Every structure is written in C-alpha cells, then in structure tokens.
Amino acid sequence: MMMMMMMMVVVVVVVVVVVVMMMMMTMMMMMMMMMMMMMMMMMMMMTTMMMTMMMMI
C-alpha cells in the first residue's frame, strides 16, 4: 500500500513538472517571437525615418 502511494505521488510530481516545463517553454517561445516582432518593427521604423530624413535633405 505504501509503495503504491509513493508511486502515485512520484508520478503526479513528474507530470506536474513536465507540464510546468512545457508551459515555461511555450511562454519563452512566445516572448522570443514578440521580441523578434518588436525588433523587426523598430528596424522598419528606423529605416523609414532614415529614408524620410534623406528625402527631406
């Protein structure tokens, strides 16, 4: 009986850890994607600003 309880507890802990790792990985991926998008937008804005400045001058 004790062995069964211990096994159940170990299984539950492992499952929880795996789920948390998956969530963290997905969150990190989303954050990375958002950062990449922001960087791309900033680069585009900078290039457009430079182009407009060149046109003005």
PDB file of N, CA and C in Angstrom:
ATOM      1  N   MET A   1       0.856  -1.203   0.000  1.00  0.00           N
ATOM      2  CA  MET A   1       0.000   0.000   0.000  1.00  0.00           C
ATOM      3  C   MET A   1       0.897   1.262   0.000  1.00  0.00           C
ATOM      4  N   MET A   2       1.864   1.305   0.896  1.00  0.00           N
ATOM      5  CA  MET A   2       2.753   2.478   0.955  1.00  0.00           C
ATOM      6  C   MET A   2       3.494   2.664  -0.369  1.00  0.00           C
ATOM      7  N   MET A   3       3.939   1.540  -0.939  1.00  0.00           N
ATOM      8  CA  MET A   3       4.667   1.596  -2.219  1.00  0.00           C
ATOM      9  C   MET A   3       3.766   2.197  -3.300  1.00  0.00           C
ATOM     10  N   MET A   4       2.497   1.756  -3.313  1.00  0.00           N
ATOM     11  CA  MET A   4       1.547   2.264  -4.316  1.00  0.00           C
ATOM     12  C   MET A   4       1.374   3.774  -4.146  1.00  0.00           C
ATOM     13  N   MET A   5       1.224   4.217  -2.892  1.00  0.00           N
ATOM     14  CA  MET A   5       1.028   5.645  -2.624  1.00  0.00           C
ATOM     15  C   MET A   5       2.264   6.441  -3.086  1.00  0.00           C
ATOM     16  N   MET A   6       3.429   5.908  -2.764  1.00  0.00           N
ATOM     17  CA  MET A   6       4.675   6.585  -3.147  1.00  0.00           C
ATOM     18  C   MET A   6       4.779   6.691  -4.673  1.00  0.00           C
ATOM     19  N   MET A   7       4.424   5.593  -5.353  1.00  0.00           N
ATOM     20  CA  MET A   7       4.486   5.577  -6.821  1.00  0.00           C
ATOM     21  C   MET A   7       3.539   6.632  -7.394  1.00  0.00           C
ATOM     22  N   MET A   8       2.323   6.690  -6.816  1.00  0.00           N
ATOM     23  CA  MET A   8       1.324   7.663  -7.294  1.00  0.00           C
ATOM     24  C   MET A   8       1.869   9.091  -7.114  1.00  0.00           C
ATOM     25  N   VAL A   9       2.443   9.340  -5.946  1.00  0.00           N
ATOM     26  CA  VAL A   9       2.972  10.676  -5.644  1.00  0.00           C
ATOM     27  C   VAL A   9       4.099  11.040  -6.625  1.00  0.00           C
ATOM     28  N   VAL A  10       4.972  10.097  -6.856  1.00  0.00           N
ATOM     29  CA  VAL A  10       6.107  10.333  -7.783  1.00  0.00           C
ATOM     30  C   VAL A  10       5.584  10.638  -9.189  1.00  0.00           C
ATOM     31  N   VAL A  11       4.601   9.844  -9.628  1.00  0.00           N
ATOM     32  CA  VAL A  11       4.025  10.036 -10.974  1.00  0.00           C
ATOM     33  C   VAL A  11       3.389  11.429 -11.081  1.00  0.00           C
ATOM     34  N   VAL A  12       2.626  11.794 -10.061  1.00  0.00           N
ATOM     35  CA  VAL A  12       1.960  13.108 -10.067  1.00  0.00           C
ATOM     36  C   VAL A  12       2.995  14.237 -10.123  1.00  0.00           C
ATOM     37  N   VAL A  13       4.042  14.118  -9.319  1.00  0.00           N
ATOM     38  CA  VAL A  13       5.082  15.149  -9.284  1.00  0.00           C
ATOM     39  C   VAL A  13       5.754  15.277 -10.654  1.00  0.00           C
ATOM     40  N   VAL A  14       6.069  14.131 -11.264  1.00  0.00           N
ATOM     41  CA  VAL A  14       6.722  14.137 -12.585  1.00  0.00           C
ATOM     42  C   VAL A  14       5.826  14.807 -13.629  1.00  0.00           C
ATOM     43  N   VAL A  15       4.545  14.459 -13.599  1.00  0.00           N
ATOM     44  CA  VAL A  15       3.593  15.035 -14.566  1.00  0.00           C
ATOM     45  C   VAL A  15       3.515  16.557 -14.384  1.00  0.00           C
ATOM     46  N   VAL A  16       3.418  16.996 -13.144  1.00  0.00           N
ATOM     47  CA  VAL A  16       3.317  18.433 -12.861  1.00  0.00           C
ATOM     48  C   VAL A  16       4.577  19.166 -13.356  1.00  0.00           C
ATOM     49  N   VAL A  17       5.730  18.578 -13.084  1.00  0.00           N
ATOM     50  CA  VAL A  17       6.995  19.200 -13.507  1.00  0.00           C
ATOM     51  C   VAL A  17       7.058  19.308 -15.031  1.00  0.00           C
ATOM     52  N   VAL A  18       6.646  18.250 -15.713  1.00  0.00           N
ATOM     53  CA  VAL A  18       6.673  18.243 -17.186  1.00  0.00           C
ATOM     54  C   VAL A  18       5.726  19.318 -17.735  1.00  0.00           C
ATOM     55  N   VAL A  19       4.550  19.398 -17.147  1.00  0.00           N
ATOM     56  CA  VAL A  19       3.561  20.394 -17.613  1.00  0.00           C
ATOM     57  C   VAL A  19       4.112  21.815 -17.402  1.00  0.00           C
ATOM     58  N   VAL A  20       4.702  22.048 -16.253  1.00  0.00           N
ATOM     59  CA  VAL A  20       5.255  23.374 -15.950  1.00  0.00           C
ATOM     60  C   VAL A  20       6.393  23.713 -16.934  1.00  0.00           C
ATOM     61  N   MET A  21       7.236  22.731 -17.225  1.00  0.00           N
ATOM     62  CA  MET A  21       8.335  22.944 -18.174  1.00  0.00           C
ATOM     63  C   MET A  21       7.781  23.305 -19.553  1.00  0.00           C
ATOM     64  N   MET A  22       6.731  22.574 -19.972  1.00  0.00           N
ATOM     65  CA  MET A  22       6.114  22.838 -21.279  1.00  0.00           C
ATOM     66  C   MET A  22       5.558  24.261 -21.306  1.00  0.00           C
ATOM     67  N   MET A  23       4.875  24.651 -20.218  1.00  0.00           N
ATOM     68  CA  MET A  23       4.287  25.995 -20.152  1.00  0.00           C
ATOM     69  C   MET A  23       5.399  27.051 -20.230  1.00  0.00           C
ATOM     70  N   MET A  24       6.476  26.826 -19.486  1.00  0.00           N
ATOM     71  CA  MET A  24       7.591  27.777 -19.476  1.00  0.00           C
ATOM     72  C   MET A  24       8.205  27.885 -20.873  1.00  0.00           C
ATOM     73  N   MET A  25       8.362  26.731 -21.532  1.00  0.00           N
ATOM     74  CA  MET A  25       8.948  26.718 -22.878  1.00  0.00           C
ATOM     75  C   MET A  25       8.061  27.501 -23.847  1.00  0.00           C
ATOM     76  N   THR A  26       6.751  27.258 -23.753  1.00  0.00           N
ATOM     77  CA  THR A  26       5.827  27.965 -24.659  1.00  0.00           C
ATOM     78  C   THR A  26       5.863  29.470 -24.373  1.00  0.00           C
ATOM     79  N   MET A  27       5.894  29.831 -23.092  1.00  0.00           N
ATOM     80  CA  MET A  27       5.932  31.253 -22.728  1.00  0.00           C
ATOM     81  C   MET A  27       7.224  31.887 -23.257  1.00  0.00           C
ATOM     82  N   MET A  28       8.334  31.161 -23.122  1.00  0.00           N
ATOM     83  CA  MET A  28       9.623  31.677 -23.598  1.00  0.00           C
ATOM     84  C   MET A  28       9.579  31.861 -25.115  1.00  0.00           C
ATOM     85  N   MET A  29       8.983  30.868 -25.808  1.00  0.00           N
ATOM     86  CA  MET A  29       8.884  30.944 -27.267  1.00  0.00           C
ATOM     87  C   MET A  29       8.037  32.157 -27.665  1.00  0.00           C
ATOM     88  N   MET A  30       6.920  32.352 -26.950  1.00  0.00           N
ATOM     89  CA  MET A  30       6.029  33.487 -27.256  1.00  0.00           C
ATOM     90  C   MET A  30       6.783  34.801 -27.022  1.00  0.00           C
ATOM     91  N   MET A  31       7.504  34.869 -25.909  1.00  0.00           N
ATOM     92  CA  MET A  31       8.261  36.087 -25.587  1.00  0.00           C
ATOM     93  C   MET A  31       9.320  36.348 -26.663  1.00  0.00           C
ATOM     94  N   MET A  32       9.993  35.286 -27.087  1.00  0.00           N
ATOM     95  CA  MET A  32      11.027  35.418 -28.120  1.00  0.00           C
ATOM     96  C   MET A  32      10.402  35.927 -29.423  1.00  0.00           C
ATOM     97  N   MET A  33       9.242  35.351 -29.773  1.00  0.00           N
ATOM     98  CA  MET A  33       8.550  35.762 -31.001  1.00  0.00           C
ATOM     99  C   MET A  33       8.161  37.238 -30.895  1.00  0.00           C
ATOM    100  N   MET A  34       7.634  37.638 -29.728  1.00  0.00           N
ATOM    101  CA  MET A  34       7.213  39.028 -29.525  1.00  0.00           C
ATOM    102  C   MET A  34       8.436  39.954 -29.642  1.00  0.00           C
ATOM    103  N   MET A  35       9.542  39.549 -29.032  1.00  0.00           N
ATOM    104  CA  MET A  35      10.763  40.362 -29.075  1.00  0.00           C
ATOM    105  C   MET A  35      11.245  40.499 -30.518  1.00  0.00           C
ATOM    106  N   MET A  36      11.195  39.386 -31.263  1.00  0.00           N
ATOM    107  CA  MET A  36      11.633  39.408 -32.665  1.00  0.00           C
ATOM    108  C   MET A  36      10.743  40.359 -33.470  1.00  0.00           C
ATOM    109  N   MET A  37       9.431  40.268 -33.235  1.00  0.00           N
ATOM    110  CA  MET A  37       8.489  41.124 -33.955  1.00  0.00           C
ATOM    111  C   MET A  37       8.772  42.596 -33.616  1.00  0.00           C
ATOM    112  N   MET A  38       8.993  42.878 -32.329  1.00  0.00           N
ATOM    113  CA  MET A  38       9.256  44.253 -31.894  1.00  0.00           C
ATOM    114  C   MET A  38      10.546  44.766 -32.546  1.00  0.00           C
ATOM    115  N   MET A  39      11.572  43.918 -32.578  1.00  0.00           N
ATOM    116  CA  MET A  39      12.852  44.303 -33.182  1.00  0.00           C
ATOM    117  C   MET A  39      12.657  44.612 -34.665  1.00  0.00           C
ATOM    118  N   MET A  40      11.883  43.753 -35.346  1.00  0.00           N
ATOM    119  CA  MET A  40      11.635  43.951 -36.782  1.00  0.00           C
ATOM    120  C   MET A  40      10.905  45.275 -36.995  1.00  0.00           C
ATOM    121  N   MET A  41       9.904  45.541 -36.157  1.00  0.00           N
ATOM    122  CA  MET A  41       9.120  46.776 -36.284  1.00  0.00           C
ATOM    123  C   MET A  41      10.035  47.992 -36.056  1.00  0.00           C
ATOM    124  N   MET A  42      10.886  47.896 -35.035  1.00  0.00           N
ATOM    125  CA  MET A  42      11.799  49.009 -34.725  1.00  0.00           C
ATOM    126  C   MET A  42      12.749  49.240 -35.895  1.00  0.00           C
ATOM    127  N   MET A  43      13.256  48.162 -36.478  1.00  0.00           N
ATOM    128  CA  MET A  43      14.178  48.284 -37.615  1.00  0.00           C
ATOM    129  C   MET A  43      13.467  48.960 -38.788  1.00  0.00           C
ATOM    130  N   MET A  44      12.231  48.526 -39.046  1.00  0.00           N
ATOM    131  CA  MET A  44      11.453  49.100 -40.149  1.00  0.00           C
ATOM    132  C   MET A  44      11.232  50.592 -39.895  1.00  0.00           C
ATOM    133  N   MET A  45      10.863  50.936 -38.674  1.00  0.00           N
ATOM    134  CA  MET A  45      10.597  52.338 -38.336  1.00  0.00           C
ATOM    135  C   MET A  45      11.876  53.169 -38.522  1.00  0.00           C
ATOM    136  N   MET A  46      12.993  52.625 -38.052  1.00  0.00           N
ATOM    137  CA  MET A  46      14.272  53.342 -38.166  1.00  0.00           C
ATOM    138  C   MET A  46      14.621  53.554 -39.627  1.00  0.00           C
ATOM    139  N   THR A  47      14.454  52.537 -40.436  1.00  0.00           N
ATOM    140  CA  THR A  47      14.778  52.648 -41.870  1.00  0.00           C
ATOM    141  C   THR A  47      13.869  53.687 -42.531  1.00  0.00           C
ATOM    142  N   THR A  48      12.590  53.654 -42.196  1.00  0.00           N
ATOM    143  CA  THR A  48      11.645  54.619 -42.791  1.00  0.00           C
ATOM    144  C   THR A  48      12.025  56.043 -42.364  1.00  0.00           C
ATOM    145  N   MET A  49      12.378  56.202 -41.102  1.00  0.00           N
ATOM    146  CA  MET A  49      12.759  57.527 -40.596  1.00  0.00           C
ATOM    147  C   MET A  49      14.005  58.023 -41.336  1.00  0.00           C
ATOM    148  N   MET A  50      14.963  57.121 -41.511  1.00  0.00           N
ATOM    149  CA  MET A  50      16.202  57.490 -42.209  1.00  0.00           C
ATOM    150  C   MET A  50      15.874  57.905 -43.639  1.00  0.00           C
ATOM    151  N   MET A  51      14.995  57.130 -44.288  1.00  0.00           N
ATOM    152  CA  MET A  51      14.623  57.417 -45.679  1.00  0.00           C
ATOM    153  C   MET A  51      13.945  58.789 -45.756  1.00  0.00           C
ATOM    154  N   THR A  52      13.057  59.072 -44.819  1.00  0.00           N
ATOM    155  CA  THR A  52      12.337  60.358 -44.830  1.00  0.00           C
ATOM    156  C   THR A  52      13.331  61.506 -44.591  1.00  0.00           C
ATOM    157  N   MET A  53      14.258  61.294 -43.677  1.00  0.00           N
ATOM    158  CA  MET A  53      15.258  62.328 -43.377  1.00  0.00           C
ATOM    159  C   MET A  53      16.088  62.607 -44.630  1.00  0.00           C
ATOM    160  N   MET A  54      16.487  61.527 -45.332  1.00  0.00           N
ATOM    161  CA  MET A  54      17.285  61.659 -46.550  1.00  0.00           C
ATOM    162  C   MET A  54      16.489  62.457 -47.583  1.00  0.00           C
ATOM    163  N   MET A  55      15.192  62.116 -47.689  1.00  0.00           N
ATOM    164  CA  MET A  55      14.322  62.792 -48.674  1.00  0.00           C
ATOM    165  C   MET A  55      14.224  64.279 -48.329  1.00  0.00           C
ATOM    166  N   MET A  56      14.077  64.564 -47.018  1.00  0.00           N
ATOM    167  CA  MET A  56      13.935  65.957 -46.582  1.00  0.00           C
ATOM    168  C   MET A  56      15.199  66.735 -46.972  1.00  0.00           C
ATOM    169  N   ILE A  57      16.349  66.102 -46.748  1.00  0.00           N
ATOM    170  CA  ILE A  57      17.623  66.781 -47.056  1.00  0.00           C
ATOM    171  C   ILE A  57      17.970  66.540 -48.537  1.00  0.00           C
TER     172      ILE A  57
END
